[in-house]
């Protein structure tokens, strides 16, 4: 999900996402909320979503992001990084990206159907 600052009124989804992502943080940081927006958006992009079980970043770029903490703390993933292997793996991931997106779409639709079924089961005909 990419946030469009220029025309928020044209996309209700962006407006809703901004509200959900920023609501709690803005209340806590009254005057410094603008400084926290990039961190909040980055956290959203690198967190697996409950509907698709994938991160928005991986659905766009085909692989998971290396977060700054992994670089600062020298994680195993960062220490074992080899450019040649990474390039080959990236090509494979990009080739499989359409399948991953389709699978995420199927998961999202299945969840939507389950929610609709649950809501309809609670309705009582008059």
C-alpha atoms as a PDB file:
ATOM      1  CA  UNK A   1       0.000   0.000   0.000  1.00  0.00           C
ATOM      2  CA  UNK A   2       1.442   3.333  -0.988  1.00  0.00           C
ATOM      3  CA  UNK A   3       0.259   6.509   0.666  1.00  0.00           C
ATOM      4  CA  UNK A   4      -0.694   9.345  -1.651  1.00  0.00           C
ATOM      5  CA  UNK A   5      -0.366  12.647   0.149  1.00  0.00           C
ATOM      6  CA  UNK A   6      -1.318  14.790  -2.827  1.00  0.00           C
ATOM      7  CA  UNK A   7      -4.935  13.672  -3.259  1.00  0.00           C
ATOM      8  CA  UNK A   8      -6.106  11.899  -0.116  1.00  0.00           C
ATOM      9  CA  UNK A   9      -9.753  12.584  -0.918  1.00  0.00           C
ATOM     10  CA  UNK A  10      -9.563  10.597  -4.172  1.00  0.00           C
ATOM     11  CA  UNK A  11      -8.750   7.275  -2.547  1.00  0.00           C
ATOM     12  CA  UNK A  12     -10.863   6.185   0.412  1.00  0.00           C
ATOM     13  CA  UNK A  13      -8.653   3.158   1.047  1.00  0.00           C
ATOM     14  CA  UNK A  14      -5.570   5.310   1.554  1.00  0.00           C
ATOM     15  CA  UNK A  15      -7.486   7.593   3.880  1.00  0.00           C
ATOM     16  CA  UNK A  16      -8.758   4.616   5.887  1.00  0.00           C
ATOM     17  CA  UNK A  17      -5.300   3.012   6.057  1.00  0.00           C
ATOM     18  CA  UNK A  18      -3.750   6.260   7.250  1.00  0.00           C
ATOM     19  CA  UNK A  19      -6.384   6.561   9.944  1.00  0.00           C
ATOM     20  CA  UNK A  20      -5.865   2.988  11.151  1.00  0.00           C
ATOM     21  CA  UNK A  21      -2.072   3.177  11.082  1.00  0.00           C
ATOM     22  CA  UNK A  22      -1.632   6.583  12.625  1.00  0.00           C
ATOM     23  CA  UNK A  23      -4.557   6.951  15.015  1.00  0.00           C
ATOM     24  CA  UNK A  24      -2.910   5.672  18.211  1.00  0.00           C
ATOM     25  CA  UNK A  25       0.531   7.112  17.524  1.00  0.00           C
ATOM     26  CA  UNK A  26      -0.685  10.606  16.712  1.00  0.00           C
ATOM     27  CA  UNK A  27      -2.611  10.829  19.961  1.00  0.00           C
ATOM     28  CA  UNK A  28       0.569  10.066  21.929  1.00  0.00           C
ATOM     29  CA  UNK A  29       2.879  12.385  19.950  1.00  0.00           C
ATOM     30  CA  UNK A  30       0.978  15.642  19.807  1.00  0.00           C
ATOM     31  CA  UNK A  31       3.525  17.925  18.108  1.00  0.00           C
ATOM     32  CA  UNK A  32       5.981  15.414  16.651  1.00  0.00           C
ATOM     33  CA  UNK A  33       3.594  13.134  14.777  1.00  0.00           C
ATOM     34  CA  UNK A  34       5.069  13.996  11.362  1.00  0.00           C
ATOM     35  CA  UNK A  35       8.446  12.601  12.431  1.00  0.00           C
ATOM     36  CA  UNK A  36       6.870   9.252  13.330  1.00  0.00           C
ATOM     37  CA  UNK A  37       4.949   8.667  10.092  1.00  0.00           C
ATOM     38  CA  UNK A  38       7.845   7.023   8.152  1.00  0.00           C
ATOM     39  CA  UNK A  39       8.505   4.552  10.990  1.00  0.00           C
ATOM     40  CA  UNK A  40       4.847   3.652  11.305  1.00  0.00           C
ATOM     41  CA  UNK A  41       4.492   3.116   7.547  1.00  0.00           C
ATOM     42  CA  UNK A  42       7.723   1.042   7.476  1.00  0.00           C
ATOM     43  CA  UNK A  43       6.409  -1.115  10.321  1.00  0.00           C
ATOM     44  CA  UNK A  44       3.190  -1.682   8.396  1.00  0.00           C
ATOM     45  CA  UNK A  45       5.052  -2.611   5.197  1.00  0.00           C
ATOM     46  CA  UNK A  46       7.299  -5.145   6.977  1.00  0.00           C
ATOM     47  CA  UNK A  47       4.684  -6.838   9.199  1.00  0.00           C
ATOM     48  CA  UNK A  48       2.857  -9.928   7.919  1.00  0.00           C
ATOM     49  CA  UNK A  49      -0.831  -9.144   7.441  1.00  0.00           C
ATOM     50  CA  UNK A  50      -3.438 -11.398   9.010  1.00  0.00           C
ATOM     51  CA  UNK A  51      -5.377 -11.905   5.775  1.00  0.00           C
ATOM     52  CA  UNK A  52      -2.572 -12.899   3.409  1.00  0.00           C
ATOM     53  CA  UNK A  53       0.138 -14.040   5.865  1.00  0.00           C
ATOM     54  CA  UNK A  54       2.558 -11.986   3.728  1.00  0.00           C
ATOM     55  CA  UNK A  55       4.157  -8.588   4.208  1.00  0.00           C
ATOM     56  CA  UNK A  56       3.082  -5.832   1.820  1.00  0.00           C
ATOM     57  CA  UNK A  57       6.794  -5.316   1.040  1.00  0.00           C
ATOM     58  CA  UNK A  58       7.240  -8.939  -0.047  1.00  0.00           C
ATOM     59  CA  UNK A  59       4.125  -8.813  -2.220  1.00  0.00           C
ATOM     60  CA  UNK A  60       5.572  -5.832  -4.086  1.00  0.00           C
ATOM     61  CA  UNK A  61       9.279  -6.708  -4.265  1.00  0.00           C
ATOM     62  CA  UNK A  62       9.270 -10.515  -4.066  1.00  0.00           C
ATOM     63  CA  UNK A  63      11.374 -10.836  -0.909  1.00  0.00           C
ATOM     64  CA  UNK A  64      11.348  -9.733   2.693  1.00  0.00           C
ATOM     65  CA  UNK A  65      13.039  -6.508   3.718  1.00  0.00           C
ATOM     66  CA  UNK A  66      16.100  -6.425   5.917  1.00  0.00           C
ATOM     67  CA  UNK A  67      15.134  -4.204   8.791  1.00  0.00           C
ATOM     68  CA  UNK A  68      17.665  -1.724  10.241  1.00  0.00           C
ATOM     69  CA  UNK A  69      18.006  -3.691  13.489  1.00  0.00           C
ATOM     70  CA  UNK A  70      19.320  -6.705  11.554  1.00  0.00           C
ATOM     71  CA  UNK A  71      22.087  -4.549  10.100  1.00  0.00           C
ATOM     72  CA  UNK A  72      23.010  -2.838  13.364  1.00  0.00           C
ATOM     73  CA  UNK A  73      23.009  -6.048  15.420  1.00  0.00           C
ATOM     74  CA  UNK A  74      24.665  -8.180  12.695  1.00  0.00           C
ATOM     75  CA  UNK A  75      22.047 -10.897  12.452  1.00  0.00           C
ATOM     76  CA  UNK A  76      22.860 -14.256  10.852  1.00  0.00           C
ATOM     77  CA  UNK A  77      20.868 -13.232   7.803  1.00  0.00           C
ATOM     78  CA  UNK A  78      23.031 -10.136   7.371  1.00  0.00           C
ATOM     79  CA  UNK A  79      26.337 -11.904   8.157  1.00  0.00           C
ATOM     80  CA  UNK A  80      25.666 -14.712   5.653  1.00  0.00           C
ATOM     81  CA  UNK A  81      24.727 -12.355   2.823  1.00  0.00           C
ATOM     82  CA  UNK A  82      26.426 -13.254  -0.474  1.00  0.00           C
ATOM     83  CA  UNK A  83      25.763 -10.973  -3.459  1.00  0.00           C
ATOM     84  CA  UNK A  84      25.841 -13.679  -6.155  1.00  0.00           C
ATOM     85  CA  UNK A  85      23.483 -15.994  -4.268  1.00  0.00           C
ATOM     86  CA  UNK A  86      21.234 -13.073  -3.437  1.00  0.00           C
ATOM     87  CA  UNK A  87      20.936 -12.065  -7.084  1.00  0.00           C
ATOM     88  CA  UNK A  88      20.031 -15.618  -8.109  1.00  0.00           C
ATOM     89  CA  UNK A  89      17.497 -15.943  -5.295  1.00  0.00           C
ATOM     90  CA  UNK A  90      15.982 -12.566  -6.200  1.00  0.00           C
ATOM     91  CA  UNK A  91      15.458 -13.723  -9.805  1.00  0.00           C
ATOM     92  CA  UNK A  92      13.728 -16.886  -8.584  1.00  0.00           C
ATOM     93  CA  UNK A  93      11.554 -14.886  -6.153  1.00  0.00           C
ATOM     94  CA  UNK A  94      10.566 -12.434  -8.864  1.00  0.00           C
ATOM     95  CA  UNK A  95       9.618 -15.341 -11.106  1.00  0.00           C
ATOM     96  CA  UNK A  96       7.372 -16.733  -8.382  1.00  0.00           C
ATOM     97  CA  UNK A  97       5.953 -13.338  -7.399  1.00  0.00           C
ATOM     98  CA  UNK A  98       2.798 -13.673  -9.508  1.00  0.00           C
ATOM     99  CA  UNK A  99       2.013 -17.018  -7.871  1.00  0.00           C
ATOM    100  CA  UNK A 100       2.564 -15.550  -4.401  1.00  0.00           C
ATOM    101  CA  UNK A 101       0.268 -12.624  -5.230  1.00  0.00           C
ATOM    102  CA  UNK A 102      -2.421 -14.987  -6.541  1.00  0.00           C
ATOM    103  CA  UNK A 103      -2.151 -17.116  -3.406  1.00  0.00           C
ATOM    104  CA  UNK A 104      -2.445 -14.000  -1.212  1.00  0.00           C
ATOM    105  CA  UNK A 105      -5.507 -12.915  -3.193  1.00  0.00           C
ATOM    106  CA  UNK A 106      -7.097 -16.347  -2.721  1.00  0.00           C
ATOM    107  CA  UNK A 107      -6.419 -16.200   1.029  1.00  0.00           C
ATOM    108  CA  UNK A 108      -7.942 -12.729   1.261  1.00  0.00           C
ATOM    109  CA  UNK A 109     -11.060 -13.819  -0.655  1.00  0.00           C
ATOM    110  CA  UNK A 110     -11.408 -16.937   1.497  1.00  0.00           C
ATOM    111  CA  UNK A 111     -11.204 -14.838   4.650  1.00  0.00           C
ATOM    112  CA  UNK A 112     -13.796 -12.442   3.251  1.00  0.00           C
ATOM    113  CA  UNK A 113     -16.147 -15.360   2.531  1.00  0.00           C
ATOM    114  CA  UNK A 114     -15.665 -16.765   6.048  1.00  0.00           C
ATOM    115  CA  UNK A 115     -16.470 -13.381   7.580  1.00  0.00           C
ATOM    116  CA  UNK A 116     -19.556 -12.984   5.362  1.00  0.00           C
ATOM    117  CA  UNK A 117     -20.740 -16.486   6.255  1.00  0.00           C
ATOM    118  CA  UNK A 118     -20.258 -15.817   9.955  1.00  0.00           C
ATOM    119  CA  UNK A 119     -22.174 -12.543   9.729  1.00  0.00           C
ATOM    120  CA  UNK A 120     -24.988 -14.134   7.713  1.00  0.00           C
ATOM    121  CA  UNK A 121     -25.275 -17.008  10.188  1.00  0.00           C
ATOM    122  CA  UNK A 122     -26.015 -14.500  12.950  1.00  0.00           C
ATOM    123  CA  UNK A 123     -28.937 -12.982  11.030  1.00  0.00           C
ATOM    124  CA  UNK A 124     -32.393 -14.173  11.952  1.00  0.00           C
ATOM    125  CA  UNK A 125     -35.148 -14.007   9.348  1.00  0.00           C
ATOM    126  CA  UNK A 126     -38.298 -12.207  10.452  1.00  0.00           C
END
